[in-house]
Amino acid sequence: MKRCTKCILPESYPNIIFDENGICSSCHTFEKRWANYDWGGKGKELESIVNKVKAKNRRYDCLVPVSGGKDSSYVLYVCTQKYKMKVLAVNFDNGFVSPVASQNLAKMAKQFDADYISWAPKWSTLKLAYRTFFL
Protein backbone atom coordinates (compact mmCIF):
# COMPACT_ATOMS: atom_id res chain seq x y z
CA MET A 1 0.00 0.00 0.00
CA LYS A 2 1.30 3.44 -0.93
CA ARG A 3 1.75 5.91 1.95
CA CYS A 4 2.64 9.58 2.18
CA THR A 5 6.38 9.98 2.59
CA LYS A 6 5.78 12.74 5.16
CA CYS A 7 2.81 11.78 7.32
CA ILE A 8 2.27 8.09 6.36
CA LEU A 9 -1.41 8.50 5.43
CA PRO A 10 -2.38 5.54 3.25
CA GLU A 11 -3.65 5.72 -0.31
CA SER A 12 -7.00 4.43 0.98
CA TYR A 13 -7.57 7.75 2.81
CA PRO A 14 -10.57 9.54 1.20
CA ASN A 15 -9.72 11.96 -1.63
CA ILE A 16 -5.97 11.67 -1.09
CA ILE A 17 -3.64 12.59 -3.96
CA PHE A 18 0.14 12.13 -4.01
CA ASP A 19 2.64 14.36 -5.80
CA GLU A 20 5.72 13.14 -7.66
CA ASN A 21 7.66 13.02 -4.36
CA GLY A 22 5.03 10.87 -2.64
CA ILE A 23 3.76 13.73 -0.46
CA CYS A 24 -0.01 13.74 0.03
CA SER A 25 -2.53 16.50 -0.60
CA SER A 26 -3.27 16.75 3.15
CA CYS A 27 0.36 17.66 3.83
CA HIS A 28 0.30 20.28 1.06
CA THR A 29 -2.93 21.77 2.42
CA PHE A 30 -1.42 21.93 5.90
CA GLU A 31 1.75 23.59 4.64
CA LYS A 32 -0.21 26.24 2.71
CA ARG A 33 -2.51 26.99 5.63
CA TRP A 34 0.25 27.31 8.22
CA ALA A 35 3.08 28.74 6.09
CA ASN A 36 3.09 32.13 7.87
CA TYR A 37 2.47 30.83 11.39
CA ASP A 38 5.01 31.85 14.03
CA TRP A 39 6.04 28.34 15.11
CA GLY A 40 9.09 29.56 17.03
CA GLY A 41 7.14 32.15 19.00
CA LYS A 42 4.37 29.71 19.83
CA GLY A 43 6.97 27.12 20.86
CA LYS A 44 8.46 29.59 23.34
CA GLU A 45 4.98 30.44 24.62
CA LEU A 46 4.25 26.73 25.15
CA GLU A 47 7.57 26.24 26.98
CA SER A 48 6.69 29.17 29.25
CA ILE A 49 3.32 27.58 30.08
CA VAL A 50 4.96 24.19 30.72
CA ASN A 51 7.54 25.77 33.03
CA LYS A 52 4.83 27.57 35.04
CA VAL A 53 2.87 24.33 35.41
CA LYS A 54 5.92 22.30 36.40
CA ALA A 55 6.90 24.95 39.00
CA LYS A 56 3.71 24.18 40.92
CA ASN A 57 5.23 20.77 41.69
CA ARG A 58 1.92 18.92 41.77
CA ARG A 59 1.46 15.18 41.49
CA TYR A 60 0.69 15.61 37.77
CA ASP A 61 1.65 18.44 35.48
CA CYS A 62 -1.03 17.57 32.96
CA LEU A 63 -3.69 15.11 31.89
CA VAL A 64 -3.48 13.67 28.38
CA PRO A 65 -6.56 11.98 26.93
CA VAL A 66 -5.32 8.99 24.92
CA SER A 67 -7.07 6.88 22.32
CA GLY A 68 -4.08 4.94 21.08
CA GLY A 69 -4.11 6.84 17.79
CA LYS A 70 -1.13 8.71 16.42
CA ASP A 71 -2.26 12.16 17.59
CA SER A 72 -2.75 11.33 21.27
CA SER A 73 0.32 9.08 21.23
CA TYR A 74 2.41 11.98 19.93
CA VAL A 75 1.03 14.38 22.55
CA LEU A 76 1.90 11.86 25.27
CA TYR A 77 5.39 11.50 23.80
CA VAL A 78 5.97 15.27 23.64
CA CYS A 79 4.70 15.90 27.18
CA THR A 80 6.72 13.10 28.78
CA GLN A 81 9.87 13.01 26.66
CA LYS A 82 10.40 16.54 25.34
CA TYR A 83 9.00 18.53 28.26
CA LYS A 84 9.64 15.94 31.01
CA MET A 85 6.18 16.47 32.47
CA LYS A 86 4.50 14.22 35.01
CA VAL A 87 1.51 12.98 33.02
CA LEU A 88 -1.70 11.15 33.81
CA ALA A 89 -2.82 9.46 30.57
CA VAL A 90 -6.58 8.85 30.56
CA ASN A 91 -8.66 6.72 28.22
CA PHE A 92 -12.46 6.67 28.05
CA ASP A 93 -13.57 3.15 27.19
CA ASN A 94 -16.70 3.57 25.10
CA GLY A 95 -17.47 -0.13 25.17
CA PHE A 96 -15.82 -0.83 21.81
CA VAL A 97 -12.14 -0.78 22.77
CA SER A 98 -10.55 -4.05 21.74
CA PRO A 99 -8.33 -5.98 24.16
CA VAL A 100 -5.38 -5.34 21.83
CA ALA A 101 -6.04 -1.58 21.89
CA SER A 102 -6.22 -1.65 25.69
CA GLN A 103 -2.91 -3.50 25.87
CA ASN A 104 -1.31 -1.03 23.44
CA LEU A 105 -2.47 1.94 25.51
CA ALA A 106 -0.99 0.43 28.67
CA LYS A 107 2.29 -0.35 26.87
CA MET A 108 2.47 3.17 25.48
CA ALA A 109 1.98 4.71 28.93
CA LYS A 110 4.65 2.42 30.35
CA GLN A 111 7.09 3.24 27.53
CA PHE A 112 6.63 6.98 28.12
CA ASP A 113 6.64 6.62 31.93
CA ALA A 114 3.15 8.05 32.43
CA ASP A 115 0.53 6.94 34.90
CA TYR A 116 -2.44 5.54 33.00
CA ILE A 117 -6.09 4.92 33.75
CA SER A 118 -8.92 3.71 31.57
CA TRP A 119 -12.44 4.45 32.69
CA ALA A 120 -15.57 2.73 31.45
CA PRO A 121 -19.12 3.38 32.60
CA LYS A 122 -21.25 0.31 33.11
CA TRP A 123 -22.63 -1.10 29.89
CA SER A 124 -26.26 -0.26 30.73
CA THR A 125 -25.30 3.42 31.02
CA LEU A 126 -23.48 3.35 27.69
CA LYS A 127 -26.41 1.59 25.98
CA LEU A 128 -28.81 4.24 27.26
CA ALA A 129 -26.49 7.02 26.04
CA TYR A 130 -26.06 5.41 22.61
CA ARG A 131 -29.81 4.87 22.29
CA THR A 132 -30.45 8.51 23.16
CA PHE A 133 -27.84 9.71 20.65
CA PHE A 134 -29.33 7.62 17.85
CA LEU A 135 -32.88 8.73 18.53
C-alpha atoms as a PDB file:
ATOM      1  CA  MET A   1       0.000   0.000   0.000  1.00  0.00           C
ATOM      2  CA  LYS A   2       1.296   3.438  -0.929  1.00  0.00           C
ATOM      3  CA  ARG A   3       1.746   5.907   1.955  1.00  0.00           C
ATOM      4  CA  CYS A   4       2.642   9.575   2.179  1.00  0.00           C
ATOM      5  CA  THR A   5       6.383   9.984   2.587  1.00  0.00           C
ATOM      6  CA  LYS A   6       5.785  12.738   5.159  1.00  0.00           C
ATOM      7  CA  CYS A   7       2.806  11.777   7.316  1.00  0.00           C
ATOM      8  CA  ILE A   8       2.269   8.093   6.357  1.00  0.00           C
ATOM      9  CA  LEU A   9      -1.406   8.497   5.429  1.00  0.00           C
ATOM     10  CA  PRO A  10      -2.375   5.537   3.249  1.00  0.00           C
ATOM     11  CA  GLU A  11      -3.653   5.715  -0.313  1.00  0.00           C
ATOM     12  CA  SER A  12      -6.998   4.427   0.979  1.00  0.00           C
ATOM     13  CA  TYR A  13      -7.574   7.752   2.806  1.00  0.00           C
ATOM     14  CA  PRO A  14     -10.575   9.536   1.201  1.00  0.00           C
ATOM     15  CA  ASN A  15      -9.723  11.958  -1.632  1.00  0.00           C
ATOM     16  CA  ILE A  16      -5.971  11.669  -1.087  1.00  0.00           C
ATOM     17  CA  ILE A  17      -3.639  12.591  -3.957  1.00  0.00           C
ATOM     18  CA  PHE A  18       0.136  12.125  -4.013  1.00  0.00           C
ATOM     19  CA  ASP A  19       2.638  14.363  -5.802  1.00  0.00           C
ATOM     20  CA  GLU A  20       5.721  13.144  -7.662  1.00  0.00           C
ATOM     21  CA  ASN A  21       7.657  13.018  -4.361  1.00  0.00           C
ATOM     22  CA  GLY A  22       5.027  10.875  -2.639  1.00  0.00           C
ATOM     23  CA  ILE A  23       3.762  13.728  -0.464  1.00  0.00           C
ATOM     24  CA  CYS A  24      -0.015  13.744   0.027  1.00  0.00           C
ATOM     25  CA  SER A  25      -2.531  16.499  -0.599  1.00  0.00           C
ATOM     26  CA  SER A  26      -3.271  16.752   3.150  1.00  0.00           C
ATOM     27  CA  CYS A  27       0.363  17.659   3.834  1.00  0.00           C
ATOM     28  CA  HIS A  28       0.301  20.282   1.058  1.00  0.00           C
ATOM     29  CA  THR A  29      -2.930  21.769   2.416  1.00  0.00           C
ATOM     30  CA  PHE A  30      -1.415  21.925   5.905  1.00  0.00           C
ATOM     31  CA  GLU A  31       1.752  23.594   4.635  1.00  0.00           C
ATOM     32  CA  LYS A  32      -0.214  26.239   2.709  1.00  0.00           C
ATOM     33  CA  ARG A  33      -2.513  26.990   5.632  1.00  0.00           C
ATOM     34  CA  TRP A  34       0.254  27.308   8.220  1.00  0.00           C
ATOM     35  CA  ALA A  35       3.081  28.742   6.085  1.00  0.00           C
ATOM     36  CA  ASN A  36       3.094  32.131   7.869  1.00  0.00           C
ATOM     37  CA  TYR A  37       2.468  30.828  11.388  1.00  0.00           C
ATOM     38  CA  ASP A  38       5.010  31.849  14.032  1.00  0.00           C
ATOM     39  CA  TRP A  39       6.035  28.337  15.110  1.00  0.00           C
ATOM     40  CA  GLY A  40       9.094  29.560  17.029  1.00  0.00           C
ATOM     41  CA  GLY A  41       7.135  32.152  19.002  1.00  0.00           C
ATOM     42  CA  LYS A  42       4.369  29.710  19.830  1.00  0.00           C
ATOM     43  CA  GLY A  43       6.968  27.118  20.856  1.00  0.00           C
ATOM     44  CA  LYS A  44       8.456  29.594  23.343  1.00  0.00           C
ATOM     45  CA  GLU A  45       4.978  30.439  24.615  1.00  0.00           C
ATOM     46  CA  LEU A  46       4.255  26.735  25.153  1.00  0.00           C
ATOM     47  CA  GLU A  47       7.566  26.244  26.975  1.00  0.00           C
ATOM     48  CA  SER A  48       6.686  29.171  29.252  1.00  0.00           C
ATOM     49  CA  ILE A  49       3.318  27.580  30.081  1.00  0.00           C
ATOM     50  CA  VAL A  50       4.956  24.195  30.717  1.00  0.00           C
ATOM     51  CA  ASN A  51       7.543  25.769  33.034  1.00  0.00           C
ATOM     52  CA  LYS A  52       4.826  27.569  35.044  1.00  0.00           C
ATOM     53  CA  VAL A  53       2.871  24.332  35.408  1.00  0.00           C
ATOM     54  CA  LYS A  54       5.922  22.304  36.405  1.00  0.00           C
ATOM     55  CA  ALA A  55       6.904  24.955  38.997  1.00  0.00           C
ATOM     56  CA  LYS A  56       3.705  24.181  40.919  1.00  0.00           C
ATOM     57  CA  ASN A  57       5.233  20.774  41.686  1.00  0.00           C
ATOM     58  CA  ARG A  58       1.921  18.919  41.773  1.00  0.00           C
ATOM     59  CA  ARG A  59       1.460  15.178  41.487  1.00  0.00           C
ATOM     60  CA  TYR A  60       0.690  15.608  37.771  1.00  0.00           C
ATOM     61  CA  ASP A  61       1.652  18.438  35.482  1.00  0.00           C
ATOM     62  CA  CYS A  62      -1.034  17.568  32.963  1.00  0.00           C
ATOM     63  CA  LEU A  63      -3.688  15.111  31.894  1.00  0.00           C
ATOM     64  CA  VAL A  64      -3.476  13.668  28.381  1.00  0.00           C
ATOM     65  CA  PRO A  65      -6.562  11.982  26.929  1.00  0.00           C
ATOM     66  CA  VAL A  66      -5.321   8.991  24.924  1.00  0.00           C
ATOM     67  CA  SER A  67      -7.066   6.884  22.319  1.00  0.00           C
ATOM     68  CA  GLY A  68      -4.077   4.943  21.076  1.00  0.00           C
ATOM     69  CA  GLY A  69      -4.106   6.838  17.791  1.00  0.00           C
ATOM     70  CA  LYS A  70      -1.126   8.708  16.417  1.00  0.00           C
ATOM     71  CA  ASP A  71      -2.259  12.160  17.593  1.00  0.00           C
ATOM     72  CA  SER A  72      -2.748  11.335  21.266  1.00  0.00           C
ATOM     73  CA  SER A  73       0.322   9.078  21.229  1.00  0.00           C
ATOM     74  CA  TYR A  74       2.406  11.977  19.933  1.00  0.00           C
ATOM     75  CA  VAL A  75       1.034  14.376  22.550  1.00  0.00           C
ATOM     76  CA  LEU A  76       1.895  11.861  25.268  1.00  0.00           C
ATOM     77  CA  TYR A  77       5.393  11.500  23.803  1.00  0.00           C
ATOM     78  CA  VAL A  78       5.968  15.269  23.644  1.00  0.00           C
ATOM     79  CA  CYS A  79       4.704  15.898  27.179  1.00  0.00           C
ATOM     80  CA  THR A  80       6.718  13.097  28.778  1.00  0.00           C
ATOM     81  CA  GLN A  81       9.866  13.014  26.663  1.00  0.00           C
ATOM     82  CA  LYS A  82      10.400  16.538  25.338  1.00  0.00           C
ATOM     83  CA  TYR A  83       9.004  18.534  28.264  1.00  0.00           C
ATOM     84  CA  LYS A  84       9.641  15.937  31.009  1.00  0.00           C
ATOM     85  CA  MET A  85       6.182  16.474  32.472  1.00  0.00           C
ATOM     86  CA  LYS A  86       4.497  14.225  35.012  1.00  0.00           C
ATOM     87  CA  VAL A  87       1.513  12.984  33.023  1.00  0.00           C
ATOM     88  CA  LEU A  88      -1.699  11.152  33.805  1.00  0.00           C
ATOM     89  CA  ALA A  89      -2.821   9.463  30.574  1.00  0.00           C
ATOM     90  CA  VAL A  90      -6.580   8.854  30.555  1.00  0.00           C
ATOM     91  CA  ASN A  91      -8.659   6.722  28.223  1.00  0.00           C
ATOM     92  CA  PHE A  92     -12.456   6.669  28.046  1.00  0.00           C
ATOM     93  CA  ASP A  93     -13.571   3.147  27.189  1.00  0.00           C
ATOM     94  CA  ASN A  94     -16.701   3.574  25.097  1.00  0.00           C
ATOM     95  CA  GLY A  95     -17.469  -0.130  25.165  1.00  0.00           C
ATOM     96  CA  PHE A  96     -15.818  -0.831  21.814  1.00  0.00           C
ATOM     97  CA  VAL A  97     -12.138  -0.777  22.769  1.00  0.00           C
ATOM     98  CA  SER A  98     -10.547  -4.054  21.740  1.00  0.00           C
ATOM     99  CA  PRO A  99      -8.327  -5.979  24.159  1.00  0.00           C
ATOM    100  CA  VAL A 100      -5.376  -5.344  21.833  1.00  0.00           C
ATOM    101  CA  ALA A 101      -6.039  -1.585  21.888  1.00  0.00           C
ATOM    102  CA  SER A 102      -6.220  -1.647  25.694  1.00  0.00           C
ATOM    103  CA  GLN A 103      -2.905  -3.496  25.873  1.00  0.00           C
ATOM    104  CA  ASN A 104      -1.314  -1.034  23.440  1.00  0.00           C
ATOM    105  CA  LEU A 105      -2.467   1.943  25.513  1.00  0.00           C
ATOM    106  CA  ALA A 106      -0.987   0.434  28.675  1.00  0.00           C
ATOM    107  CA  LYS A 107       2.292  -0.349  26.867  1.00  0.00           C
ATOM    108  CA  MET A 108       2.473   3.175  25.480  1.00  0.00           C
ATOM    109  CA  ALA A 109       1.984   4.710  28.925  1.00  0.00           C
ATOM    110  CA  LYS A 110       4.651   2.424  30.347  1.00  0.00           C
ATOM    111  CA  GLN A 111       7.091   3.245  27.527  1.00  0.00           C
ATOM    112  CA  PHE A 112       6.625   6.984  28.116  1.00  0.00           C
ATOM    113  CA  ASP A 113       6.640   6.616  31.926  1.00  0.00           C
ATOM    114  CA  ALA A 114       3.151   8.046  32.426  1.00  0.00           C
ATOM    115  CA  ASP A 115       0.530   6.940  34.899  1.00  0.00           C
ATOM    116  CA  TYR A 116      -2.441   5.536  32.996  1.00  0.00           C
ATOM    117  CA  ILE A 117      -6.087   4.923  33.754  1.00  0.00           C
ATOM    118  CA  SER A 118      -8.916   3.714  31.569  1.00  0.00           C
ATOM    119  CA  TRP A 119     -12.436   4.455  32.692  1.00  0.00           C
ATOM    120  CA  ALA A 120     -15.570   2.730  31.454  1.00  0.00           C
ATOM    121  CA  PRO A 121     -19.118   3.381  32.603  1.00  0.00           C
ATOM    122  CA  LYS A 122     -21.247   0.309  33.114  1.00  0.00           C
ATOM    123  CA  TRP A 123     -22.627  -1.098  29.885  1.00  0.00           C
ATOM    124  CA  SER A 124     -26.260  -0.264  30.731  1.00  0.00           C
ATOM    125  CA  THR A 125     -25.301   3.424  31.019  1.00  0.00           C
ATOM    126  CA  LEU A 126     -23.482   3.347  27.687  1.00  0.00           C
ATOM    127  CA  LYS A 127     -26.409   1.585  25.978  1.00  0.00           C
ATOM    128  CA  LEU A 128     -28.808   4.239  27.263  1.00  0.00           C
ATOM    129  CA  ALA A 129     -26.493   7.018  26.044  1.00  0.00           C
ATOM    130  CA  TYR A 130     -26.063   5.410  22.614  1.00  0.00           C
ATOM    131  CA  ARG A 131     -29.811   4.874  22.285  1.00  0.00           C
ATOM    132  CA  THR A 132     -30.452   8.513  23.161  1.00  0.00           C
ATOM    133  CA  PHE A 133     -27.845   9.711  20.653  1.00  0.00           C
ATOM    134  CA  PHE A 134     -29.327   7.622  17.845  1.00  0.00           C
ATOM    135  CA  LEU A 135     -32.885   8.727  18.531  1.00  0.00           C
END
